[in-house]
């Protein structure tokens, strides 16, 4: 005798076992069609030669508002939400910056990484990026601003996502662009409990000559939080040293050498 579930699965051309094992489809990203923002191209004489803060305020005048037109998941589904993606920002700010002769260039990037887990226990990698941008006006004068971005990815796209988020935040917040939508934003991934990184696991990063003094300060804070500053490790010269002392020593050396 077959069960109702088995008969229903057979009618659909599948077995009950296959039906039970079918995973739920993952949420999808639905990009909104990019609309022409209606901003003209610069004329043959180029942009008006004004100071950078005047040019940027004119960019802000052209980009008055950007709605949240992109969807994560399907509208109405649990866990779905709307957001403004980086393409929406570039689609509006790109023409406005060209019209007024404004360049937005990243000149310095500081990144930090840590191993995390999703709420489902899947290993992932978190990236936090702090980017310094130079906004250059039509006469060559400039202002510098900073923006931060964060991402979590199980493959190799964490840095790119964090940089995109930093740029999007710079344009939306620096341009004071309203959404005309309800806040706050939701997140698409729930973090699980982050594993505690052992003192030995920090060694390669601490000793690496490209690790900045700023990152070493962050490592010192992380070690203090996990009560590991006094852990004995073998330093870069092969001697035993408390890891906290090693971080402080190398941090001072790299700060003196300009490795901020």
C-alpha atoms as a PDB file:
ATOM      1  CA  UNK A   1       0.000   0.000   0.000  1.00  0.00           C
ATOM      2  CA  UNK A   2       1.323   3.388  -0.885  1.00  0.00           C
ATOM      3  CA  UNK A   3       1.044   6.523   1.178  1.00  0.00           C
ATOM      4  CA  UNK A   4      -0.574   9.751   0.052  1.00  0.00           C
ATOM      5  CA  UNK A   5       2.862  11.361  -0.220  1.00  0.00           C
ATOM      6  CA  UNK A   6       4.119   8.499  -2.396  1.00  0.00           C
ATOM      7  CA  UNK A   7       1.076   8.660  -4.685  1.00  0.00           C
ATOM      8  CA  UNK A   8       1.422  12.454  -5.015  1.00  0.00           C
ATOM      9  CA  UNK A   9       5.124  12.111  -5.818  1.00  0.00           C
ATOM     10  CA  UNK A  10       4.395   9.394  -8.378  1.00  0.00           C
ATOM     11  CA  UNK A  11       1.826  11.617 -10.045  1.00  0.00           C
ATOM     12  CA  UNK A  12       4.516  14.275 -10.375  1.00  0.00           C
ATOM     13  CA  UNK A  13       6.919  11.741 -11.903  1.00  0.00           C
ATOM     14  CA  UNK A  14       9.162  11.488  -8.832  1.00  0.00           C
ATOM     15  CA  UNK A  15       9.672   9.126  -5.920  1.00  0.00           C
ATOM     16  CA  UNK A  16       8.883  10.101  -2.360  1.00  0.00           C
ATOM     17  CA  UNK A  17      12.565   9.726  -1.486  1.00  0.00           C
ATOM     18  CA  UNK A  18      13.563  12.136  -4.210  1.00  0.00           C
ATOM     19  CA  UNK A  19      10.878  14.594  -3.158  1.00  0.00           C
ATOM     20  CA  UNK A  20      12.008  14.573   0.466  1.00  0.00           C
ATOM     21  CA  UNK A  21      15.634  15.030  -0.521  1.00  0.00           C
ATOM     22  CA  UNK A  22      15.048  17.935  -2.917  1.00  0.00           C
ATOM     23  CA  UNK A  23      16.669  21.032  -1.399  1.00  0.00           C
ATOM     24  CA  UNK A  24      14.767  24.279  -1.243  1.00  0.00           C
ATOM     25  CA  UNK A  25      15.884  26.638  -4.005  1.00  0.00           C
ATOM     26  CA  UNK A  26      18.249  29.339  -2.722  1.00  0.00           C
ATOM     27  CA  UNK A  27      17.121  32.963  -2.748  1.00  0.00           C
ATOM     28  CA  UNK A  28      17.957  34.759  -5.963  1.00  0.00           C
ATOM     29  CA  UNK A  29      19.181  38.257  -6.690  1.00  0.00           C
ATOM     30  CA  UNK A  30      16.920  40.151  -9.068  1.00  0.00           C
ATOM     31  CA  UNK A  31      18.583  43.287 -10.461  1.00  0.00           C
ATOM     32  CA  UNK A  32      16.317  46.149 -11.394  1.00  0.00           C
ATOM     33  CA  UNK A  33      16.587  47.411 -14.975  1.00  0.00           C
ATOM     34  CA  UNK A  34      18.890  50.421 -15.062  1.00  0.00           C
ATOM     35  CA  UNK A  35      16.997  53.556 -16.029  1.00  0.00           C
ATOM     36  CA  UNK A  36      18.416  56.519 -17.926  1.00  0.00           C
ATOM     37  CA  UNK A  37      18.888  59.143 -15.184  1.00  0.00           C
ATOM     38  CA  UNK A  38      18.319  61.902 -17.732  1.00  0.00           C
ATOM     39  CA  UNK A  39      21.621  63.668 -17.022  1.00  0.00           C
ATOM     40  CA  UNK A  40      23.158  65.211 -20.181  1.00  0.00           C
ATOM     41  CA  UNK A  41      26.706  64.624 -21.358  1.00  0.00           C
ATOM     42  CA  UNK A  42      29.202  67.488 -20.911  1.00  0.00           C
ATOM     43  CA  UNK A  43      29.325  69.992 -23.759  1.00  0.00           C
ATOM     44  CA  UNK A  44      32.276  70.533 -26.120  1.00  0.00           C
ATOM     45  CA  UNK A  45      33.811  73.102 -23.751  1.00  0.00           C
ATOM     46  CA  UNK A  46      33.832  70.631 -20.869  1.00  0.00           C
ATOM     47  CA  UNK A  47      32.636  71.263 -17.339  1.00  0.00           C
ATOM     48  CA  UNK A  48      32.649  74.669 -15.721  1.00  0.00           C
ATOM     49  CA  UNK A  49      35.913  75.297 -13.853  1.00  0.00           C
ATOM     50  CA  UNK A  50      34.719  75.551 -10.275  1.00  0.00           C
ATOM     51  CA  UNK A  51      36.166  74.338  -6.937  1.00  0.00           C
ATOM     52  CA  UNK A  52      35.690  70.691  -6.068  1.00  0.00           C
ATOM     53  CA  UNK A  53      33.118  71.345  -3.340  1.00  0.00           C
ATOM     54  CA  UNK A  54      30.998  73.346  -5.763  1.00  0.00           C
ATOM     55  CA  UNK A  55      31.272  70.633  -8.418  1.00  0.00           C
ATOM     56  CA  UNK A  56      30.334  67.917  -5.897  1.00  0.00           C
ATOM     57  CA  UNK A  57      27.326  69.916  -4.692  1.00  0.00           C
ATOM     58  CA  UNK A  58      26.179  70.119  -8.308  1.00  0.00           C
ATOM     59  CA  UNK A  59      26.520  66.345  -8.586  1.00  0.00           C
ATOM     60  CA  UNK A  60      24.327  66.095  -5.489  1.00  0.00           C
ATOM     61  CA  UNK A  61      21.835  68.426  -7.153  1.00  0.00           C
ATOM     62  CA  UNK A  62      21.538  66.066 -10.130  1.00  0.00           C
ATOM     63  CA  UNK A  63      21.181  62.891  -8.031  1.00  0.00           C
ATOM     64  CA  UNK A  64      18.111  63.697  -5.949  1.00  0.00           C
ATOM     65  CA  UNK A  65      16.963  60.227  -4.929  1.00  0.00           C
ATOM     66  CA  UNK A  66      17.413  56.529  -5.734  1.00  0.00           C
ATOM     67  CA  UNK A  67      14.786  54.004  -4.715  1.00  0.00           C
ATOM     68  CA  UNK A  68      15.515  50.469  -3.588  1.00  0.00           C
ATOM     69  CA  UNK A  69      14.747  48.711  -6.836  1.00  0.00           C
ATOM     70  CA  UNK A  70      16.821  45.524  -6.506  1.00  0.00           C
ATOM     71  CA  UNK A  71      15.437  42.426  -4.814  1.00  0.00           C
ATOM     72  CA  UNK A  72      17.136  39.671  -2.839  1.00  0.00           C
ATOM     73  CA  UNK A  73      14.770  36.733  -3.109  1.00  0.00           C
ATOM     74  CA  UNK A  74      11.263  36.997  -4.470  1.00  0.00           C
ATOM     75  CA  UNK A  75       8.859  39.740  -3.384  1.00  0.00           C
ATOM     76  CA  UNK A  76       6.676  38.466  -0.557  1.00  0.00           C
ATOM     77  CA  UNK A  77       8.925  35.526   0.345  1.00  0.00           C
ATOM     78  CA  UNK A  78      10.258  35.216   3.846  1.00  0.00           C
ATOM     79  CA  UNK A  79      13.792  36.604   4.000  1.00  0.00           C
ATOM     80  CA  UNK A  80      13.427  38.680   0.843  1.00  0.00           C
ATOM     81  CA  UNK A  81      14.135  42.397   0.881  1.00  0.00           C
ATOM     82  CA  UNK A  82      14.779  45.359  -1.385  1.00  0.00           C
ATOM     83  CA  UNK A  83      18.046  47.267  -1.542  1.00  0.00           C
ATOM     84  CA  UNK A  84      20.016  49.773  -3.595  1.00  0.00           C
ATOM     85  CA  UNK A  85      22.944  48.071  -5.311  1.00  0.00           C
ATOM     86  CA  UNK A  86      26.235  49.557  -6.414  1.00  0.00           C
ATOM     87  CA  UNK A  87      25.068  49.514 -10.051  1.00  0.00           C
ATOM     88  CA  UNK A  88      22.189  51.813  -9.125  1.00  0.00           C
ATOM     89  CA  UNK A  89      24.665  54.199  -7.524  1.00  0.00           C
ATOM     90  CA  UNK A  90      27.045  54.170 -10.497  1.00  0.00           C
ATOM     91  CA  UNK A  91      24.187  54.514 -12.974  1.00  0.00           C
ATOM     92  CA  UNK A  92      23.209  57.843 -11.416  1.00  0.00           C
ATOM     93  CA  UNK A  93      26.506  59.218 -10.140  1.00  0.00           C
ATOM     94  CA  UNK A  94      28.567  58.310 -13.224  1.00  0.00           C
ATOM     95  CA  UNK A  95      26.767  60.687 -15.639  1.00  0.00           C
ATOM     96  CA  UNK A  96      26.552  63.428 -12.981  1.00  0.00           C
ATOM     97  CA  UNK A  97      30.292  63.218 -12.249  1.00  0.00           C
ATOM     98  CA  UNK A  98      31.131  63.315 -15.965  1.00  0.00           C
ATOM     99  CA  UNK A  99      28.897  66.332 -16.476  1.00  0.00           C
ATOM    100  CA  UNK A 100      30.578  68.320 -13.708  1.00  0.00           C
ATOM    101  CA  UNK A 101      34.148  67.052 -14.206  1.00  0.00           C
ATOM    102  CA  UNK A 102      34.386  65.123 -10.930  1.00  0.00           C
ATOM    103  CA  UNK A 103      36.611  62.069 -10.403  1.00  0.00           C
ATOM    104  CA  UNK A 104      36.144  59.639  -7.503  1.00  0.00           C
ATOM    105  CA  UNK A 105      39.309  57.563  -7.112  1.00  0.00           C
ATOM    106  CA  UNK A 106      40.337  55.086  -4.377  1.00  0.00           C
ATOM    107  CA  UNK A 107      43.851  55.935  -3.186  1.00  0.00           C
ATOM    108  CA  UNK A 108      44.286  53.693  -0.128  1.00  0.00           C
ATOM    109  CA  UNK A 109      42.628  50.489   1.040  1.00  0.00           C
ATOM    110  CA  UNK A 110      42.981  48.699   4.371  1.00  0.00           C
ATOM    111  CA  UNK A 111      41.418  45.260   4.735  1.00  0.00           C
ATOM    112  CA  UNK A 112      40.963  42.857   7.613  1.00  0.00           C
ATOM    113  CA  UNK A 113      39.767  39.262   7.483  1.00  0.00           C
ATOM    114  CA  UNK A 114      38.475  36.681   9.914  1.00  0.00           C
ATOM    115  CA  UNK A 115      36.958  33.230   9.714  1.00  0.00           C
ATOM    116  CA  UNK A 116      33.270  33.076  10.614  1.00  0.00           C
ATOM    117  CA  UNK A 117      30.337  30.706  10.235  1.00  0.00           C
ATOM    118  CA  UNK A 118      26.842  31.259   8.938  1.00  0.00           C
ATOM    119  CA  UNK A 119      23.845  30.431  11.123  1.00  0.00           C
ATOM    120  CA  UNK A 120      23.771  27.079   9.312  1.00  0.00           C
ATOM    121  CA  UNK A 121      27.341  26.314  10.373  1.00  0.00           C
ATOM    122  CA  UNK A 122      28.899  26.803   6.930  1.00  0.00           C
ATOM    123  CA  UNK A 123      32.512  28.104   7.075  1.00  0.00           C
ATOM    124  CA  UNK A 124      32.863  31.558   5.572  1.00  0.00           C
ATOM    125  CA  UNK A 125      35.288  34.462   5.444  1.00  0.00           C
ATOM    126  CA  UNK A 126      34.485  37.979   6.574  1.00  0.00           C
ATOM    127  CA  UNK A 127      36.209  40.960   4.971  1.00  0.00           C
ATOM    128  CA  UNK A 128      36.152  44.499   6.307  1.00  0.00           C
ATOM    129  CA  UNK A 129      37.567  47.181   4.008  1.00  0.00           C
ATOM    130  CA  UNK A 130      38.287  50.822   4.828  1.00  0.00           C
ATOM    131  CA  UNK A 131      38.861  52.799   1.653  1.00  0.00           C
ATOM    132  CA  UNK A 132      40.183  56.339   1.331  1.00  0.00           C
ATOM    133  CA  UNK A 133      38.823  58.103  -1.747  1.00  0.00           C
ATOM    134  CA  UNK A 134      40.043  61.279  -3.411  1.00  0.00           C
ATOM    135  CA  UNK A 135      37.285  63.359  -4.992  1.00  0.00           C
ATOM    136  CA  UNK A 136      38.924  65.561  -7.627  1.00  0.00           C
ATOM    137  CA  UNK A 137      37.179  68.580  -9.118  1.00  0.00           C
ATOM    138  CA  UNK A 138      37.454  70.071 -12.614  1.00  0.00           C
ATOM    139  CA  UNK A 139      40.267  72.469 -11.605  1.00  0.00           C
ATOM    140  CA  UNK A 140      42.388  69.712 -10.033  1.00  0.00           C
ATOM    141  CA  UNK A 141      41.737  70.497  -6.375  1.00  0.00           C
ATOM    142  CA  UNK A 142      40.484  67.634  -4.243  1.00  0.00           C
ATOM    143  CA  UNK A 143      39.039  66.422  -0.967  1.00  0.00           C
ATOM    144  CA  UNK A 144      39.638  63.063   0.716  1.00  0.00           C
ATOM    145  CA  UNK A 145      36.953  60.972   2.375  1.00  0.00           C
ATOM    146  CA  UNK A 146      36.785  57.506   3.883  1.00  0.00           C
ATOM    147  CA  UNK A 147      34.187  54.785   3.572  1.00  0.00           C
ATOM    148  CA  UNK A 148      33.944  51.274   4.986  1.00  0.00           C
ATOM    149  CA  UNK A 149      32.453  48.104   3.589  1.00  0.00           C
ATOM    150  CA  UNK A 150      31.905  44.629   4.998  1.00  0.00           C
ATOM    151  CA  UNK A 151      31.097  41.307   3.384  1.00  0.00           C
ATOM    152  CA  UNK A 152      30.955  37.602   4.092  1.00  0.00           C
ATOM    153  CA  UNK A 153      31.696  35.056   1.372  1.00  0.00           C
ATOM    154  CA  UNK A 154      32.528  31.366   1.214  1.00  0.00           C
ATOM    155  CA  UNK A 155      34.503  31.673  -2.042  1.00  0.00           C
ATOM    156  CA  UNK A 156      36.935  34.291  -3.341  1.00  0.00           C
ATOM    157  CA  UNK A 157      34.692  37.324  -3.769  1.00  0.00           C
ATOM    158  CA  UNK A 158      34.695  38.712  -0.220  1.00  0.00           C
ATOM    159  CA  UNK A 159      37.131  41.548  -0.928  1.00  0.00           C
ATOM    160  CA  UNK A 160      35.337  42.621  -4.116  1.00  0.00           C
ATOM    161  CA  UNK A 161      32.003  42.668  -2.263  1.00  0.00           C
ATOM    162  CA  UNK A 162      33.418  44.730   0.594  1.00  0.00           C
ATOM    163  CA  UNK A 163      34.948  47.249  -1.830  1.00  0.00           C
ATOM    164  CA  UNK A 164      31.657  47.542  -3.724  1.00  0.00           C
ATOM    165  CA  UNK A 165      29.820  48.156  -0.456  1.00  0.00           C
ATOM    166  CA  UNK A 166      32.336  50.847   0.544  1.00  0.00           C
ATOM    167  CA  UNK A 167      31.899  52.648  -2.800  1.00  0.00           C
ATOM    168  CA  UNK A 168      28.116  52.399  -2.615  1.00  0.00           C
ATOM    169  CA  UNK A 169      28.134  53.822   0.919  1.00  0.00           C
ATOM    170  CA  UNK A 170      30.415  56.676  -0.129  1.00  0.00           C
ATOM    171  CA  UNK A 171      28.148  57.711  -2.998  1.00  0.00           C
ATOM    172  CA  UNK A 172      24.869  57.363  -1.131  1.00  0.00           C
ATOM    173  CA  UNK A 173      26.027  58.896   2.163  1.00  0.00           C
ATOM    174  CA  UNK A 174      28.447  61.442   0.686  1.00  0.00           C
ATOM    175  CA  UNK A 175      25.784  62.435  -1.827  1.00  0.00           C
ATOM    176  CA  UNK A 176      23.007  62.503   0.818  1.00  0.00           C
ATOM    177  CA  UNK A 177      20.774  60.474  -1.486  1.00  0.00           C
ATOM    178  CA  UNK A 178      17.387  59.515   0.016  1.00  0.00           C
ATOM    179  CA  UNK A 179      15.713  56.211  -0.761  1.00  0.00           C
ATOM    180  CA  UNK A 180      12.077  57.286  -0.413  1.00  0.00           C
ATOM    181  CA  UNK A 181      11.629  53.863   1.227  1.00  0.00           C
ATOM    182  CA  UNK A 182      11.207  52.570   4.752  1.00  0.00           C
ATOM    183  CA  UNK A 183      14.317  51.766   6.784  1.00  0.00           C
ATOM    184  CA  UNK A 184      16.182  49.915   8.144  1.00  0.00           C
ATOM    185  CA  UNK A 185      17.883  47.543   5.724  1.00  0.00           C
ATOM    186  CA  UNK A 186      17.819  43.822   6.378  1.00  0.00           C
ATOM    187  CA  UNK A 187      20.717  41.422   6.008  1.00  0.00           C
ATOM    188  CA  UNK A 188      20.662  38.280   3.911  1.00  0.00           C
ATOM    189  CA  UNK A 189      22.972  36.172   6.104  1.00  0.00           C
ATOM    190  CA  UNK A 190      22.739  35.500   9.824  1.00  0.00           C
ATOM    191  CA  UNK A 191      26.066  35.019  11.552  1.00  0.00           C
ATOM    192  CA  UNK A 192      26.702  32.012  13.698  1.00  0.00           C
ATOM    193  CA  UNK A 193      29.140  31.974  16.590  1.00  0.00           C
ATOM    194  CA  UNK A 194      32.619  32.959  15.385  1.00  0.00           C
ATOM    195  CA  UNK A 195      35.412  30.521  16.310  1.00  0.00           C
ATOM    196  CA  UNK A 196      38.160  31.873  18.579  1.00  0.00           C
ATOM    197  CA  UNK A 197      41.428  32.167  16.660  1.00  0.00           C
ATOM    198  CA  UNK A 198      44.413  30.783  18.558  1.00  0.00           C
ATOM    199  CA  UNK A 199      47.572  32.824  19.129  1.00  0.00           C
ATOM    200  CA  UNK A 200      49.595  30.529  16.846  1.00  0.00           C
ATOM    201  CA  UNK A 201      47.119  31.095  14.009  1.00  0.00           C
ATOM    202  CA  UNK A 202      47.993  34.809  14.053  1.00  0.00           C
ATOM    203  CA  UNK A 203      51.745  34.264  13.674  1.00  0.00           C
ATOM    204  CA  UNK A 204      52.032  34.238   9.878  1.00  0.00           C
ATOM    205  CA  UNK A 205      49.937  37.390   9.570  1.00  0.00           C
ATOM    206  CA  UNK A 206      51.845  39.193  12.328  1.00  0.00           C
ATOM    207  CA  UNK A 207      55.248  38.343  10.872  1.00  0.00           C
ATOM    208  CA  UNK A 208      54.303  39.149   7.277  1.00  0.00           C
ATOM    209  CA  UNK A 209      56.053  42.413   6.267  1.00  0.00           C
ATOM    210  CA  UNK A 210      52.932  43.651   4.417  1.00  0.00           C
ATOM    211  CA  UNK A 211      50.732  43.525   7.522  1.00  0.00           C
ATOM    212  CA  UNK A 212      50.147  47.181   8.409  1.00  0.00           C
ATOM    213  CA  UNK A 213      50.566  48.787  11.809  1.00  0.00           C
ATOM    214  CA  UNK A 214      46.811  49.431  11.805  1.00  0.00           C
ATOM    215  CA  UNK A 215      46.057  45.748  11.334  1.00  0.00           C
ATOM    216  CA  UNK A 216      48.526  44.856  14.112  1.00  0.00           C
ATOM    217  CA  UNK A 217      46.594  47.149  16.463  1.00  0.00           C
ATOM    218  CA  UNK A 218      43.443  45.239  15.589  1.00  0.00           C
ATOM    219  CA  UNK A 219      45.201  41.884  16.179  1.00  0.00           C
ATOM    220  CA  UNK A 220      46.384  43.130  19.588  1.00  0.00           C
ATOM    221  CA  UNK A 221      42.769  43.988  20.471  1.00  0.00           C
ATOM    222  CA  UNK A 222      41.536  40.563  19.304  1.00  0.00           C
ATOM    223  CA  UNK A 223      44.221  38.781  21.361  1.00  0.00           C
ATOM    224  CA  UNK A 224      43.339  40.850  24.428  1.00  0.00           C
ATOM    225  CA  UNK A 225      39.654  39.977  23.988  1.00  0.00           C
ATOM    226  CA  UNK A 226      40.514  36.268  23.978  1.00  0.00           C
ATOM    227  CA  UNK A 227      43.034  36.585  26.880  1.00  0.00           C
ATOM    228  CA  UNK A 228      45.968  35.412  24.747  1.00  0.00           C
ATOM    229  CA  UNK A 229      48.402  38.335  24.964  1.00  0.00           C
ATOM    230  CA  UNK A 230      50.670  36.332  27.268  1.00  0.00           C
ATOM    231  CA  UNK A 231      50.839  33.225  25.059  1.00  0.00           C
ATOM    232  CA  UNK A 232      54.412  32.190  24.247  1.00  0.00           C
ATOM    233  CA  UNK A 233      55.145  31.778  20.534  1.00  0.00           C
ATOM    234  CA  UNK A 234      58.203  31.391  18.332  1.00  0.00           C
ATOM    235  CA  UNK A 235      58.780  34.778  16.721  1.00  0.00           C
ATOM    236  CA  UNK A 236      60.269  35.626  13.308  1.00  0.00           C
ATOM    237  CA  UNK A 237      63.844  35.257  14.642  1.00  0.00           C
ATOM    238  CA  UNK A 238      63.213  31.804  16.115  1.00  0.00           C
ATOM    239  CA  UNK A 239      63.107  33.030  19.728  1.00  0.00           C
ATOM    240  CA  UNK A 240      60.323  32.562  22.261  1.00  0.00           C
ATOM    241  CA  UNK A 241      58.318  35.729  22.907  1.00  0.00           C
ATOM    242  CA  UNK A 242      54.938  36.672  24.307  1.00  0.00           C
ATOM    243  CA  UNK A 243      52.693  37.269  21.325  1.00  0.00           C
ATOM    244  CA  UNK A 244      51.420  40.561  22.749  1.00  0.00           C
ATOM    245  CA  UNK A 245      54.993  41.875  23.024  1.00  0.00           C
ATOM    246  CA  UNK A 246      55.713  40.697  19.476  1.00  0.00           C
ATOM    247  CA  UNK A 247      52.691  42.552  18.094  1.00  0.00           C
ATOM    248  CA  UNK A 248      53.655  45.773  19.919  1.00  0.00           C
ATOM    249  CA  UNK A 249      57.295  45.546  18.786  1.00  0.00           C
ATOM    250  CA  UNK A 250      56.490  44.933  15.122  1.00  0.00           C
ATOM    251  CA  UNK A 251      53.699  47.515  15.205  1.00  0.00           C
ATOM    252  CA  UNK A 252      56.139  50.212  16.341  1.00  0.00           C
ATOM    253  CA  UNK A 253      58.667  49.191  13.661  1.00  0.00           C
ATOM    254  CA  UNK A 254      56.094  49.340  10.871  1.00  0.00           C
ATOM    255  CA  UNK A 255      54.580  52.597  12.110  1.00  0.00           C
ATOM    256  CA  UNK A 256      58.062  54.133  12.100  1.00  0.00           C
ATOM    257  CA  UNK A 257      58.562  52.821   8.565  1.00  0.00           C
ATOM    258  CA  UNK A 258      55.270  54.301   7.367  1.00  0.00           C
ATOM    259  CA  UNK A 259      53.414  50.950   7.032  1.00  0.00           C
ATOM    260  CA  UNK A 260      50.105  52.301   8.297  1.00  0.00           C
END
